[in-house]
Amino acid sequence: MYDFQDYYDNAVKLSFEREPFSIEPKHVWVICKFKDQWLLTKHSDRGLEFPGGKVEEGELPEMAAVREVWEETGARIHNLEYVGQYEVKGKTETVIKNIYFAEVATIEKKATYLETDGPVLKQQLPDTIRTDRSYSFIMKDDVLRYCLRRLDQ
């Protein structure tokens, strides 16, 4: 279990155990790879980030992960793996997200990507993400760092 503060100084707990904070998380975040590149999306307000979002009523988190990746990038997932779960205790609410790693099979051009500007492929993620204004706050805390380290193992 990892404890730290996020970009906005909220308390975060991260675990690589199976659903330690909730068996029905309401959010998902999907670290995506397409071939040898990272697949991100450009959120119209927040900037570059991995796809993710809310789990809809009656939907399993895995289904939400696949749907969110499709909606925000046009990508079809070949393989989806559970990585972990994190909890953010914000000032007004607590958010719990399942984290997944997805290997993407294909990316299709779409007419709309909802609240994003569509797919963005990166050979590598810069060491300067924490200070780079083009990246979303979601990419700036230790969740990403610990998950990438975990995926490297």
N, C-alpha and C. Protein backbone atom coordinates (compact mmCIF):
# COMPACT_ATOMS: atom_id res chain seq x y z
N MET A 1 0.86 -1.18 0.00
CA MET A 1 0.00 0.00 0.00
C MET A 1 0.90 1.23 0.00
N TYR A 2 0.55 2.17 -0.84
CA TYR A 2 1.27 3.44 -0.93
C TYR A 2 0.34 4.57 -0.51
N ASP A 3 0.85 5.49 0.29
CA ASP A 3 0.11 6.67 0.72
C ASP A 3 0.90 7.91 0.29
N PHE A 4 0.22 8.86 -0.33
CA PHE A 4 0.87 10.09 -0.77
C PHE A 4 -0.18 11.14 -1.05
N GLN A 5 0.24 12.32 -1.42
CA GLN A 5 -0.67 13.42 -1.76
C GLN A 5 -0.70 13.55 -3.28
N ASP A 6 -1.86 13.89 -3.83
CA ASP A 6 -1.96 14.10 -5.27
C ASP A 6 -1.59 15.54 -5.63
N TYR A 7 -1.77 15.88 -6.88
CA TYR A 7 -1.42 17.20 -7.41
C TYR A 7 -2.12 18.32 -6.65
N TYR A 8 -3.34 18.05 -6.16
CA TYR A 8 -4.11 19.06 -5.43
C TYR A 8 -4.03 18.88 -3.91
N ASP A 9 -3.05 18.10 -3.46
CA ASP A 9 -2.79 17.88 -2.04
C ASP A 9 -3.87 17.04 -1.35
N ASN A 10 -4.60 16.23 -2.10
CA ASN A 10 -5.56 15.29 -1.53
C ASN A 10 -4.82 14.01 -1.12
N ALA A 11 -5.32 13.35 -0.09
CA ALA A 11 -4.73 12.08 0.36
C ALA A 11 -5.07 10.97 -0.62
N VAL A 12 -4.05 10.22 -1.04
CA VAL A 12 -4.22 9.12 -1.99
C VAL A 12 -3.68 7.84 -1.37
N LYS A 13 -4.42 6.76 -1.54
CA LYS A 13 -3.96 5.42 -1.19
C LYS A 13 -3.99 4.60 -2.47
N LEU A 14 -2.90 3.90 -2.75
CA LEU A 14 -2.77 3.07 -3.94
C LEU A 14 -2.40 1.67 -3.51
N SER A 15 -3.09 0.68 -4.09
CA SER A 15 -2.79 -0.72 -3.79
C SER A 15 -2.81 -1.54 -5.08
N PHE A 16 -1.95 -2.54 -5.13
CA PHE A 16 -1.95 -3.46 -6.26
C PHE A 16 -2.67 -4.76 -5.91
N GLU A 17 -3.37 -4.76 -4.80
CA GLU A 17 -4.24 -5.89 -4.43
C GLU A 17 -5.53 -5.77 -5.24
N ARG A 18 -6.32 -6.83 -5.22
CA ARG A 18 -7.60 -6.82 -5.95
C ARG A 18 -8.66 -6.04 -5.17
N GLU A 19 -9.03 -4.88 -5.67
CA GLU A 19 -10.13 -4.05 -5.16
C GLU A 19 -10.14 -3.90 -3.64
N PRO A 20 -9.10 -3.32 -3.06
CA PRO A 20 -9.02 -3.17 -1.61
C PRO A 20 -9.93 -2.09 -1.03
N PHE A 21 -10.34 -1.13 -1.84
CA PHE A 21 -11.12 -0.01 -1.34
C PHE A 21 -12.61 -0.12 -1.67
N SER A 22 -12.92 -0.81 -2.78
CA SER A 22 -14.32 -1.00 -3.17
C SER A 22 -14.42 -2.11 -4.22
N ILE A 23 -15.44 -2.96 -4.06
CA ILE A 23 -15.68 -3.98 -5.08
C ILE A 23 -16.54 -3.41 -6.21
N GLU A 24 -17.03 -2.20 -6.02
CA GLU A 24 -17.81 -1.52 -7.06
C GLU A 24 -17.28 -0.09 -7.26
N PRO A 25 -16.06 0.04 -7.78
CA PRO A 25 -15.52 1.37 -8.00
C PRO A 25 -16.33 2.10 -9.06
N LYS A 26 -16.40 3.39 -8.96
CA LYS A 26 -17.20 4.20 -9.88
C LYS A 26 -16.38 4.83 -11.00
N HIS A 27 -15.05 4.59 -11.00
CA HIS A 27 -14.17 5.18 -12.02
C HIS A 27 -13.11 4.17 -12.45
N VAL A 28 -12.61 4.38 -13.68
CA VAL A 28 -11.52 3.55 -14.21
C VAL A 28 -10.48 4.46 -14.87
N TRP A 29 -9.26 3.95 -14.92
CA TRP A 29 -8.15 4.64 -15.59
C TRP A 29 -7.35 3.58 -16.31
N VAL A 30 -7.05 3.78 -17.58
CA VAL A 30 -6.47 2.71 -18.40
C VAL A 30 -5.15 3.17 -19.02
N ILE A 31 -4.06 2.55 -18.58
CA ILE A 31 -2.73 2.80 -19.14
C ILE A 31 -2.64 1.96 -20.40
N CYS A 32 -2.48 2.63 -21.56
CA CYS A 32 -2.58 1.94 -22.85
C CYS A 32 -1.28 1.95 -23.62
N LYS A 33 -1.05 0.83 -24.29
CA LYS A 33 0.08 0.71 -25.22
C LYS A 33 -0.46 0.24 -26.57
N PHE A 34 0.00 0.88 -27.64
CA PHE A 34 -0.30 0.45 -29.01
C PHE A 34 1.04 0.19 -29.68
N LYS A 35 1.30 -1.07 -29.96
CA LYS A 35 2.60 -1.49 -30.46
C LYS A 35 3.64 -1.06 -29.44
N ASP A 36 4.60 -0.24 -29.80
CA ASP A 36 5.62 0.18 -28.83
C ASP A 36 5.41 1.60 -28.34
N GLN A 37 4.19 2.11 -28.49
CA GLN A 37 3.94 3.50 -28.10
C GLN A 37 2.86 3.57 -27.02
N TRP A 38 2.94 4.61 -26.21
CA TRP A 38 1.90 4.90 -25.23
C TRP A 38 0.73 5.55 -25.94
N LEU A 39 -0.47 5.12 -25.64
CA LEU A 39 -1.66 5.71 -26.22
C LEU A 39 -2.35 6.56 -25.16
N LEU A 40 -2.38 7.85 -25.40
CA LEU A 40 -3.05 8.79 -24.51
C LEU A 40 -4.18 9.45 -25.27
N THR A 41 -4.90 10.29 -24.57
CA THR A 41 -5.91 11.12 -25.20
C THR A 41 -5.68 12.55 -24.72
N LYS A 42 -6.13 13.51 -25.51
CA LYS A 42 -5.99 14.91 -25.10
C LYS A 42 -7.36 15.39 -24.65
N HIS A 43 -7.51 15.48 -23.33
CA HIS A 43 -8.76 15.98 -22.76
C HIS A 43 -8.83 17.48 -23.06
N SER A 44 -9.99 17.95 -23.47
CA SER A 44 -10.12 19.34 -23.91
C SER A 44 -9.82 20.35 -22.80
N ASP A 45 -10.04 19.98 -21.54
CA ASP A 45 -9.74 20.90 -20.43
C ASP A 45 -8.44 20.56 -19.70
N ARG A 46 -8.18 19.28 -19.49
CA ARG A 46 -7.07 18.88 -18.61
C ARG A 46 -5.75 18.65 -19.33
N GLY A 47 -5.77 18.31 -20.60
CA GLY A 47 -4.53 18.02 -21.32
C GLY A 47 -4.34 16.54 -21.55
N LEU A 48 -3.10 16.14 -21.81
CA LEU A 48 -2.77 14.76 -22.15
C LEU A 48 -2.90 13.85 -20.93
N GLU A 49 -3.56 12.71 -21.15
CA GLU A 49 -3.75 11.74 -20.07
C GLU A 49 -4.11 10.39 -20.67
N PHE A 50 -3.98 9.35 -19.86
CA PHE A 50 -4.48 8.06 -20.28
C PHE A 50 -6.00 8.08 -20.20
N PRO A 51 -6.68 7.31 -21.05
CA PRO A 51 -8.15 7.30 -21.05
C PRO A 51 -8.72 6.80 -19.73
N GLY A 52 -9.93 7.22 -19.45
CA GLY A 52 -10.61 6.76 -18.25
C GLY A 52 -11.90 7.51 -18.06
N GLY A 53 -12.62 7.14 -17.01
CA GLY A 53 -13.87 7.83 -16.74
C GLY A 53 -14.75 7.06 -15.78
N LYS A 54 -16.02 7.38 -15.82
CA LYS A 54 -16.99 6.81 -14.88
C LYS A 54 -17.52 5.46 -15.36
N VAL A 55 -17.80 4.62 -14.37
CA VAL A 55 -18.48 3.35 -14.62
C VAL A 55 -19.96 3.66 -14.64
N GLU A 56 -20.64 3.30 -15.73
CA GLU A 56 -22.07 3.59 -15.85
C GLU A 56 -22.91 2.56 -15.09
N GLU A 57 -24.13 2.94 -14.81
CA GLU A 57 -25.07 2.06 -14.09
C GLU A 57 -25.18 0.71 -14.81
N GLY A 58 -25.01 -0.38 -14.05
CA GLY A 58 -25.13 -1.73 -14.60
C GLY A 58 -23.90 -2.21 -15.35
N GLU A 59 -22.85 -1.43 -15.37
CA GLU A 59 -21.64 -1.75 -16.13
C GLU A 59 -20.56 -2.24 -15.17
N LEU A 60 -19.82 -3.26 -15.56
CA LEU A 60 -18.66 -3.70 -14.79
C LEU A 60 -17.49 -2.77 -15.09
N PRO A 61 -16.55 -2.61 -14.14
CA PRO A 61 -15.41 -1.74 -14.39
C PRO A 61 -14.61 -2.12 -15.64
N GLU A 62 -14.47 -3.41 -15.91
CA GLU A 62 -13.73 -3.84 -17.11
C GLU A 62 -14.44 -3.37 -18.37
N MET A 63 -15.77 -3.43 -18.36
CA MET A 63 -16.55 -2.95 -19.51
C MET A 63 -16.37 -1.44 -19.67
N ALA A 64 -16.36 -0.73 -18.56
CA ALA A 64 -16.16 0.73 -18.60
C ALA A 64 -14.79 1.06 -19.16
N ALA A 65 -13.78 0.29 -18.78
CA ALA A 65 -12.43 0.53 -19.28
C ALA A 65 -12.38 0.39 -20.80
N VAL A 66 -12.96 -0.68 -21.31
CA VAL A 66 -12.99 -0.90 -22.77
C VAL A 66 -13.77 0.22 -23.47
N ARG A 67 -14.91 0.58 -22.91
CA ARG A 67 -15.75 1.63 -23.51
C ARG A 67 -15.04 2.98 -23.49
N GLU A 68 -14.45 3.35 -22.36
CA GLU A 68 -13.78 4.65 -22.26
C GLU A 68 -12.61 4.76 -23.23
N VAL A 69 -11.83 3.69 -23.37
CA VAL A 69 -10.72 3.71 -24.33
C VAL A 69 -11.25 3.91 -25.74
N TRP A 70 -12.33 3.21 -26.09
CA TRP A 70 -12.94 3.36 -27.41
C TRP A 70 -13.46 4.78 -27.61
N GLU A 71 -14.23 5.29 -26.65
CA GLU A 71 -14.84 6.61 -26.79
C GLU A 71 -13.80 7.71 -26.93
N GLU A 72 -12.72 7.62 -26.16
CA GLU A 72 -11.76 8.72 -26.09
C GLU A 72 -10.63 8.61 -27.11
N THR A 73 -10.40 7.41 -27.68
CA THR A 73 -9.26 7.25 -28.60
C THR A 73 -9.60 6.52 -29.90
N GLY A 74 -10.73 5.82 -29.96
CA GLY A 74 -11.04 5.00 -31.13
C GLY A 74 -10.28 3.68 -31.13
N ALA A 75 -9.69 3.32 -29.98
CA ALA A 75 -8.88 2.11 -29.90
C ALA A 75 -9.71 0.90 -29.49
N ARG A 76 -9.38 -0.22 -30.09
CA ARG A 76 -9.96 -1.52 -29.73
C ARG A 76 -8.90 -2.28 -28.93
N ILE A 77 -9.30 -2.73 -27.75
CA ILE A 77 -8.37 -3.40 -26.84
C ILE A 77 -8.24 -4.87 -27.19
N HIS A 78 -6.99 -5.32 -27.24
CA HIS A 78 -6.68 -6.74 -27.48
C HIS A 78 -6.60 -7.48 -26.15
N ASN A 79 -6.00 -6.85 -25.14
CA ASN A 79 -5.80 -7.49 -23.84
C ASN A 79 -5.93 -6.44 -22.75
N LEU A 80 -6.71 -6.75 -21.71
CA LEU A 80 -6.93 -5.84 -20.59
C LEU A 80 -6.57 -6.56 -19.30
N GLU A 81 -5.69 -5.94 -18.50
CA GLU A 81 -5.25 -6.53 -17.24
C GLU A 81 -5.50 -5.56 -16.09
N TYR A 82 -6.01 -6.10 -14.99
CA TYR A 82 -6.17 -5.31 -13.77
C TYR A 82 -4.77 -5.03 -13.21
N VAL A 83 -4.53 -3.77 -12.83
CA VAL A 83 -3.25 -3.40 -12.23
C VAL A 83 -3.41 -3.11 -10.74
N GLY A 84 -4.40 -2.32 -10.39
CA GLY A 84 -4.58 -1.95 -9.00
C GLY A 84 -5.79 -1.05 -8.83
N GLN A 85 -5.85 -0.44 -7.65
CA GLN A 85 -6.96 0.46 -7.34
C GLN A 85 -6.42 1.58 -6.47
N TYR A 86 -6.97 2.78 -6.68
CA TYR A 86 -6.59 3.86 -5.78
C TYR A 86 -7.79 4.66 -5.33
N GLU A 87 -7.59 5.28 -4.16
CA GLU A 87 -8.63 6.06 -3.50
C GLU A 87 -8.09 7.46 -3.27
N VAL A 88 -8.87 8.46 -3.69
CA VAL A 88 -8.51 9.85 -3.47
C VAL A 88 -9.56 10.46 -2.54
N LYS A 89 -9.12 10.90 -1.38
CA LYS A 89 -10.03 11.58 -0.44
C LYS A 89 -9.96 13.07 -0.73
N GLY A 90 -10.91 13.54 -1.54
CA GLY A 90 -10.97 14.95 -1.89
C GLY A 90 -11.66 15.77 -0.82
N LYS A 91 -11.75 17.03 -1.06
CA LYS A 91 -12.36 17.93 -0.09
C LYS A 91 -13.86 17.70 0.05
N THR A 92 -14.51 17.29 -1.04
CA THR A 92 -15.97 17.10 -1.00
C THR A 92 -16.40 15.65 -1.23
N GLU A 93 -15.55 14.84 -1.81
CA GLU A 93 -15.92 13.44 -2.07
C GLU A 93 -14.69 12.55 -2.12
N THR A 94 -14.94 11.25 -2.03
CA THR A 94 -13.89 10.25 -2.19
C THR A 94 -14.11 9.56 -3.53
N VAL A 95 -13.04 9.46 -4.32
CA VAL A 95 -13.10 8.82 -5.63
C VAL A 95 -12.23 7.57 -5.58
N ILE A 96 -12.80 6.46 -6.05
CA ILE A 96 -12.06 5.20 -6.12
C ILE A 96 -12.02 4.77 -7.59
N LYS A 97 -10.79 4.49 -8.06
CA LYS A 97 -10.61 4.09 -9.46
C LYS A 97 -9.89 2.76 -9.55
N ASN A 98 -10.37 1.90 -10.44
CA ASN A 98 -9.61 0.73 -10.85
C ASN A 98 -8.64 1.17 -11.93
N ILE A 99 -7.44 0.62 -11.87
CA ILE A 99 -6.40 0.90 -12.87
C ILE A 99 -6.20 -0.36 -13.70
N TYR A 100 -6.17 -0.17 -15.01
CA TYR A 100 -5.96 -1.29 -15.92
C TYR A 100 -4.79 -0.97 -16.85
N PHE A 101 -4.20 -2.03 -17.40
CA PHE A 101 -3.24 -1.90 -18.48
C PHE A 101 -3.86 -2.55 -19.70
N ALA A 102 -3.85 -1.84 -20.82
CA ALA A 102 -4.47 -2.35 -22.05
C ALA A 102 -3.45 -2.41 -23.17
N GLU A 103 -3.44 -3.54 -23.85
CA GLU A 103 -2.72 -3.65 -25.11
C GLU A 103 -3.75 -3.40 -26.20
N VAL A 104 -3.48 -2.44 -27.03
CA VAL A 104 -4.42 -2.02 -28.07
C VAL A 104 -4.12 -2.75 -29.37
N ALA A 105 -5.17 -3.27 -30.01
CA ALA A 105 -5.04 -3.98 -31.28
C ALA A 105 -5.06 -3.02 -32.46
N THR A 106 -6.06 -2.12 -32.46
CA THR A 106 -6.23 -1.18 -33.58
C THR A 106 -6.72 0.16 -33.06
N ILE A 107 -6.50 1.18 -33.87
CA ILE A 107 -7.05 2.51 -33.59
C ILE A 107 -7.81 2.94 -34.84
N GLU A 108 -9.07 3.28 -34.65
CA GLU A 108 -9.91 3.70 -35.77
C GLU A 108 -10.20 5.19 -35.66
N LYS A 109 -10.25 5.86 -36.80
CA LYS A 109 -10.62 7.27 -36.84
C LYS A 109 -12.11 7.39 -36.57
N LYS A 110 -12.48 8.32 -35.68
CA LYS A 110 -13.89 8.51 -35.33
C LYS A 110 -14.30 9.95 -35.63
N ALA A 111 -15.59 10.15 -35.79
CA ALA A 111 -16.12 11.50 -36.02
C ALA A 111 -16.04 12.35 -34.76
N THR A 112 -16.20 11.71 -33.60
CA THR A 112 -16.13 12.43 -32.34
C THR A 112 -15.48 11.56 -31.27
N TYR A 113 -14.78 12.21 -30.35
CA TYR A 113 -14.14 11.53 -29.23
C TYR A 113 -14.70 12.05 -27.90
N LEU A 114 -15.93 12.53 -27.93
CA LEU A 114 -16.62 13.09 -26.77
C LEU A 114 -15.85 14.26 -26.18
N GLU A 115 -15.45 14.18 -24.91
CA GLU A 115 -14.81 15.34 -24.28
C GLU A 115 -13.31 15.44 -24.58
N THR A 116 -12.80 14.58 -25.46
CA THR A 116 -11.38 14.62 -25.79
C THR A 116 -11.18 14.97 -27.26
N ASP A 117 -9.92 15.26 -27.57
CA ASP A 117 -9.54 15.56 -28.96
C ASP A 117 -8.98 14.33 -29.65
N GLY A 118 -9.18 13.16 -29.06
CA GLY A 118 -8.79 11.92 -29.70
C GLY A 118 -7.43 11.39 -29.28
N PRO A 119 -6.93 10.39 -30.03
CA PRO A 119 -5.73 9.67 -29.63
C PRO A 119 -4.45 10.49 -29.83
N VAL A 120 -3.50 10.24 -28.94
CA VAL A 120 -2.16 10.82 -29.04
C VAL A 120 -1.18 9.69 -28.73
N LEU A 121 -0.27 9.42 -29.65
CA LEU A 121 0.73 8.38 -29.46
C LEU A 121 2.06 9.02 -29.06
N LYS A 122 2.72 8.42 -28.07
CA LYS A 122 4.01 8.90 -27.57
C LYS A 122 4.99 7.73 -27.50
N GLN A 123 6.18 7.93 -28.06
CA GLN A 123 7.23 6.91 -27.95
C GLN A 123 7.59 6.66 -26.50
N GLN A 124 7.70 7.77 -25.75
CA GLN A 124 7.99 7.66 -24.32
C GLN A 124 7.32 8.79 -23.57
N LEU A 125 7.15 8.56 -22.29
CA LEU A 125 6.57 9.59 -21.43
C LEU A 125 7.73 10.41 -20.88
N PRO A 126 7.65 11.72 -20.95
CA PRO A 126 8.79 12.54 -20.50
C PRO A 126 8.98 12.50 -18.99
N ASP A 127 10.21 12.68 -18.57
CA ASP A 127 10.52 12.77 -17.14
C ASP A 127 9.94 14.03 -16.52
N THR A 128 9.53 14.96 -17.37
CA THR A 128 9.06 16.27 -16.91
C THR A 128 7.54 16.37 -16.83
N ILE A 129 6.84 15.24 -16.80
CA ILE A 129 5.37 15.27 -16.77
C ILE A 129 4.85 16.14 -15.63
N ARG A 130 5.47 16.05 -14.46
CA ARG A 130 4.98 16.80 -13.29
C ARG A 130 4.97 18.31 -13.51
N THR A 131 5.86 18.80 -14.36
CA THR A 131 5.92 20.25 -14.59
C THR A 131 5.46 20.65 -15.98
N ASP A 132 5.19 19.68 -16.83
CA ASP A 132 4.78 19.96 -18.21
C ASP A 132 3.29 20.30 -18.24
N ARG A 133 2.96 21.52 -18.62
CA ARG A 133 1.58 22.00 -18.60
C ARG A 133 0.69 21.31 -19.63
N SER A 134 1.27 20.60 -20.61
CA SER A 134 0.46 19.92 -21.61
C SER A 134 -0.15 18.62 -21.07
N TYR A 135 0.33 18.17 -19.90
CA TYR A 135 -0.19 16.94 -19.30
C TYR A 135 -1.21 17.25 -18.21
N SER A 136 -2.22 16.39 -18.11
CA SER A 136 -3.28 16.49 -17.12
C SER A 136 -2.75 16.29 -15.70
N PHE A 137 -3.44 16.85 -14.72
CA PHE A 137 -3.09 16.64 -13.32
C PHE A 137 -3.13 15.16 -12.96
N ILE A 138 -3.95 14.38 -13.65
CA ILE A 138 -4.07 12.94 -13.38
C ILE A 138 -2.74 12.22 -13.61
N MET A 139 -1.91 12.77 -14.47
CA MET A 139 -0.62 12.16 -14.81
C MET A 139 0.50 12.61 -13.87
N LYS A 140 0.22 13.54 -12.97
CA LYS A 140 1.28 14.20 -12.22
C LYS A 140 1.56 13.66 -10.82
N ASP A 141 0.72 12.75 -10.32
CA ASP A 141 1.01 12.25 -8.97
C ASP A 141 1.70 10.88 -9.05
N ASP A 142 1.90 10.27 -7.90
CA ASP A 142 2.66 9.02 -7.85
C ASP A 142 1.91 7.79 -8.34
N VAL A 143 0.62 7.90 -8.63
CA VAL A 143 -0.12 6.74 -9.15
C VAL A 143 0.55 6.27 -10.44
N LEU A 144 0.81 7.19 -11.35
CA LEU A 144 1.44 6.82 -12.62
C LEU A 144 2.83 6.23 -12.38
N ARG A 145 3.62 6.88 -11.58
CA ARG A 145 5.00 6.43 -11.32
C ARG A 145 5.02 5.01 -10.76
N TYR A 146 4.21 4.75 -9.73
CA TYR A 146 4.18 3.42 -9.13
C TYR A 146 3.62 2.37 -10.09
N CYS A 147 2.62 2.75 -10.88
CA CYS A 147 2.03 1.79 -11.84
C CYS A 147 3.03 1.44 -12.94
N LEU A 148 3.76 2.41 -13.45
CA LEU A 148 4.74 2.14 -14.49
C LEU A 148 5.85 1.24 -13.94
N ARG A 149 6.25 1.50 -12.71
CA ARG A 149 7.26 0.64 -12.08
C ARG A 149 6.72 -0.80 -11.95
N ARG A 150 5.46 -0.92 -11.56
CA ARG A 150 4.83 -2.23 -11.41
C ARG A 150 4.75 -2.96 -12.76
N LEU A 151 4.37 -2.23 -13.80
CA LEU A 151 4.26 -2.83 -15.13
C LEU A 151 5.62 -3.24 -15.70
N ASP A 152 6.67 -2.58 -15.25
CA ASP A 152 8.03 -2.93 -15.69
C ASP A 152 8.51 -4.26 -15.11
N GLN A 153 7.94 -4.66 -14.00
CA GLN A 153 8.40 -5.88 -13.31
C GLN A 153 8.01 -7.13 -14.07
